[in-house]
Amino acid sequence: MNISEAVAERIVGLCIERNITVNKLSTMSGVTQSTVNDIVNHRAKNIGIITIKKLCDGLDMTITEFFDTDTFRNLVQEMY
């Protein structure tokens, strides 16, 4: 799993936990619906930290809380 896949998985998981749609998250965070859809559908490969911060704000969580999962702790370094 790469970082963009992990971010997408985390966003979808948080939406399920909070019983909201990704479209609702878009509204709550001020991130365009197309951007959120691109992230969760693995079309966005370079997700900016500002976008992640806005999504975290919409989810009422910190960036630290967002990334504090085994999935992110166990990611291997990507080589391009």
C-alpha atoms as a PDB file:
ATOM      1  CA  MET A   1       0.000   0.000   0.000  1.00  0.00           C
ATOM      2  CA  ASN A   2       1.316   3.460  -0.830  1.00  0.00           C
ATOM      3  CA  ILE A   3       0.635   6.725   1.002  1.00  0.00           C
ATOM      4  CA  SER A   4      -2.174   7.915  -1.279  1.00  0.00           C
ATOM      5  CA  GLU A   5      -3.955   4.570  -0.902  1.00  0.00           C
ATOM      6  CA  ALA A   6      -3.515   4.751   2.877  1.00  0.00           C
ATOM      7  CA  VAL A   7      -4.952   8.289   2.968  1.00  0.00           C
ATOM      8  CA  ALA A   8      -7.925   7.192   0.862  1.00  0.00           C
ATOM      9  CA  GLU A   9      -8.537   4.186   3.099  1.00  0.00           C
ATOM     10  CA  ARG A  10      -8.344   6.358   6.223  1.00  0.00           C
ATOM     11  CA  ILE A  11     -10.806   8.927   4.844  1.00  0.00           C
ATOM     12  CA  VAL A  12     -13.321   6.270   3.837  1.00  0.00           C
ATOM     13  CA  GLY A  13     -12.950   4.562   7.208  1.00  0.00           C
ATOM     14  CA  LEU A  14     -13.493   7.798   9.115  1.00  0.00           C
ATOM     15  CA  CYS A  15     -16.572   8.601   7.035  1.00  0.00           C
ATOM     16  CA  ILE A  16     -18.005   5.165   7.806  1.00  0.00           C
ATOM     17  CA  GLU A  17     -17.219   5.553  11.536  1.00  0.00           C
ATOM     18  CA  ARG A  18     -18.933   8.936  11.612  1.00  0.00           C
ATOM     19  CA  ASN A  19     -21.817   7.851   9.393  1.00  0.00           C
ATOM     20  CA  ILE A  20     -21.207  10.552   6.803  1.00  0.00           C
ATOM     21  CA  THR A  21     -20.700  10.398   3.061  1.00  0.00           C
ATOM     22  CA  VAL A  22     -17.558  11.642   1.356  1.00  0.00           C
ATOM     23  CA  ASN A  23     -19.756  14.320  -0.201  1.00  0.00           C
ATOM     24  CA  LYS A  24     -20.799  15.445   3.285  1.00  0.00           C
ATOM     25  CA  LEU A  25     -17.124  15.505   4.284  1.00  0.00           C
ATOM     26  CA  SER A  26     -16.478  17.722   1.291  1.00  0.00           C
ATOM     27  CA  THR A  27     -19.062  20.206   2.536  1.00  0.00           C
ATOM     28  CA  MET A  28     -17.812  20.021   6.130  1.00  0.00           C
ATOM     29  CA  SER A  29     -14.183  20.564   5.160  1.00  0.00           C
ATOM     30  CA  GLY A  30     -14.434  23.043   2.304  1.00  0.00           C
ATOM     31  CA  VAL A  31     -12.581  20.689  -0.034  1.00  0.00           C
ATOM     32  CA  THR A  32     -14.226  20.344  -3.416  1.00  0.00           C
ATOM     33  CA  GLN A  33     -16.296  17.242  -4.000  1.00  0.00           C
ATOM     34  CA  SER A  34     -14.207  16.348  -7.044  1.00  0.00           C
ATOM     35  CA  THR A  35     -10.994  16.484  -5.003  1.00  0.00           C
ATOM     36  CA  VAL A  36     -12.365  14.244  -2.248  1.00  0.00           C
ATOM     37  CA  ASN A  37     -13.742  11.834  -4.856  1.00  0.00           C
ATOM     38  CA  ASP A  38     -10.371  11.773  -6.634  1.00  0.00           C
ATOM     39  CA  ILE A  39      -8.649  10.942  -3.344  1.00  0.00           C
ATOM     40  CA  VAL A  40     -10.982   8.123  -2.315  1.00  0.00           C
ATOM     41  CA  ASN A  41     -11.120   6.682  -5.835  1.00  0.00           C
ATOM     42  CA  HIS A  42      -7.293   6.600  -6.050  1.00  0.00           C
ATOM     43  CA  ARG A  43      -7.107   9.126  -8.870  1.00  0.00           C
ATOM     44  CA  ALA A  44      -5.129  11.639  -6.771  1.00  0.00           C
ATOM     45  CA  LYS A  45      -1.540  10.530  -6.307  1.00  0.00           C
ATOM     46  CA  ASN A  46      -0.023  13.608  -4.662  1.00  0.00           C
ATOM     47  CA  ILE A  47      -2.415  14.712  -1.950  1.00  0.00           C
ATOM     48  CA  GLY A  48      -1.285  17.975  -0.410  1.00  0.00           C
ATOM     49  CA  ILE A  49      -0.918  18.421   3.321  1.00  0.00           C
ATOM     50  CA  ILE A  50      -3.165  21.499   3.157  1.00  0.00           C
ATOM     51  CA  THR A  51      -5.956  19.349   1.718  1.00  0.00           C
ATOM     52  CA  ILE A  52      -5.436  16.729   4.418  1.00  0.00           C
ATOM     53  CA  LYS A  53      -5.492  19.474   7.082  1.00  0.00           C
ATOM     54  CA  LYS A  54      -8.802  20.802   5.718  1.00  0.00           C
ATOM     55  CA  LEU A  55     -10.272  17.301   5.753  1.00  0.00           C
ATOM     56  CA  CYS A  56      -9.064  16.843   9.337  1.00  0.00           C
ATOM     57  CA  ASP A  57     -10.679  20.148  10.304  1.00  0.00           C
ATOM     58  CA  GLY A  58     -13.936  18.961   8.754  1.00  0.00           C
ATOM     59  CA  LEU A  59     -13.651  15.730  10.729  1.00  0.00           C
ATOM     60  CA  ASP A  60     -12.820  17.691  13.905  1.00  0.00           C
ATOM     61  CA  MET A  61      -9.509  15.914  14.384  1.00  0.00           C
ATOM     62  CA  THR A  62      -5.839  16.789  14.316  1.00  0.00           C
ATOM     63  CA  ILE A  63      -3.401  15.734  11.629  1.00  0.00           C
ATOM     64  CA  THR A  64      -1.635  13.690  14.307  1.00  0.00           C
ATOM     65  CA  GLU A  65      -4.859  11.803  15.030  1.00  0.00           C
ATOM     66  CA  PHE A  66      -5.400  11.246  11.307  1.00  0.00           C
ATOM     67  CA  PHE A  67      -1.993   9.652  10.801  1.00  0.00           C
ATOM     68  CA  ASP A  68      -1.852   7.820  14.156  1.00  0.00           C
ATOM     69  CA  THR A  69      -2.749   4.361  12.821  1.00  0.00           C
ATOM     70  CA  ASP A  70      -0.887   1.117  12.231  1.00  0.00           C
ATOM     71  CA  THR A  71      -1.416   1.570   8.502  1.00  0.00           C
ATOM     72  CA  PHE A  72       0.689   4.746   8.448  1.00  0.00           C
ATOM     73  CA  ARG A  73       3.225   3.443  10.976  1.00  0.00           C
ATOM     74  CA  ASN A  74       3.872   0.395   8.788  1.00  0.00           C
ATOM     75  CA  LEU A  75       4.197   2.117   5.408  1.00  0.00           C
ATOM     76  CA  VAL A  76       7.447   1.459   3.639  1.00  0.00           C
ATOM     77  CA  GLN A  77       9.347   4.252   1.951  1.00  0.00           C
ATOM     78  CA  GLU A  78       8.284   4.781  -1.636  1.00  0.00           C
ATOM     79  CA  MET A  79      11.034   4.920  -4.234  1.00  0.00           C
ATOM     80  CA  TYR A  80      10.406   6.684  -7.513  1.00  0.00           C
END
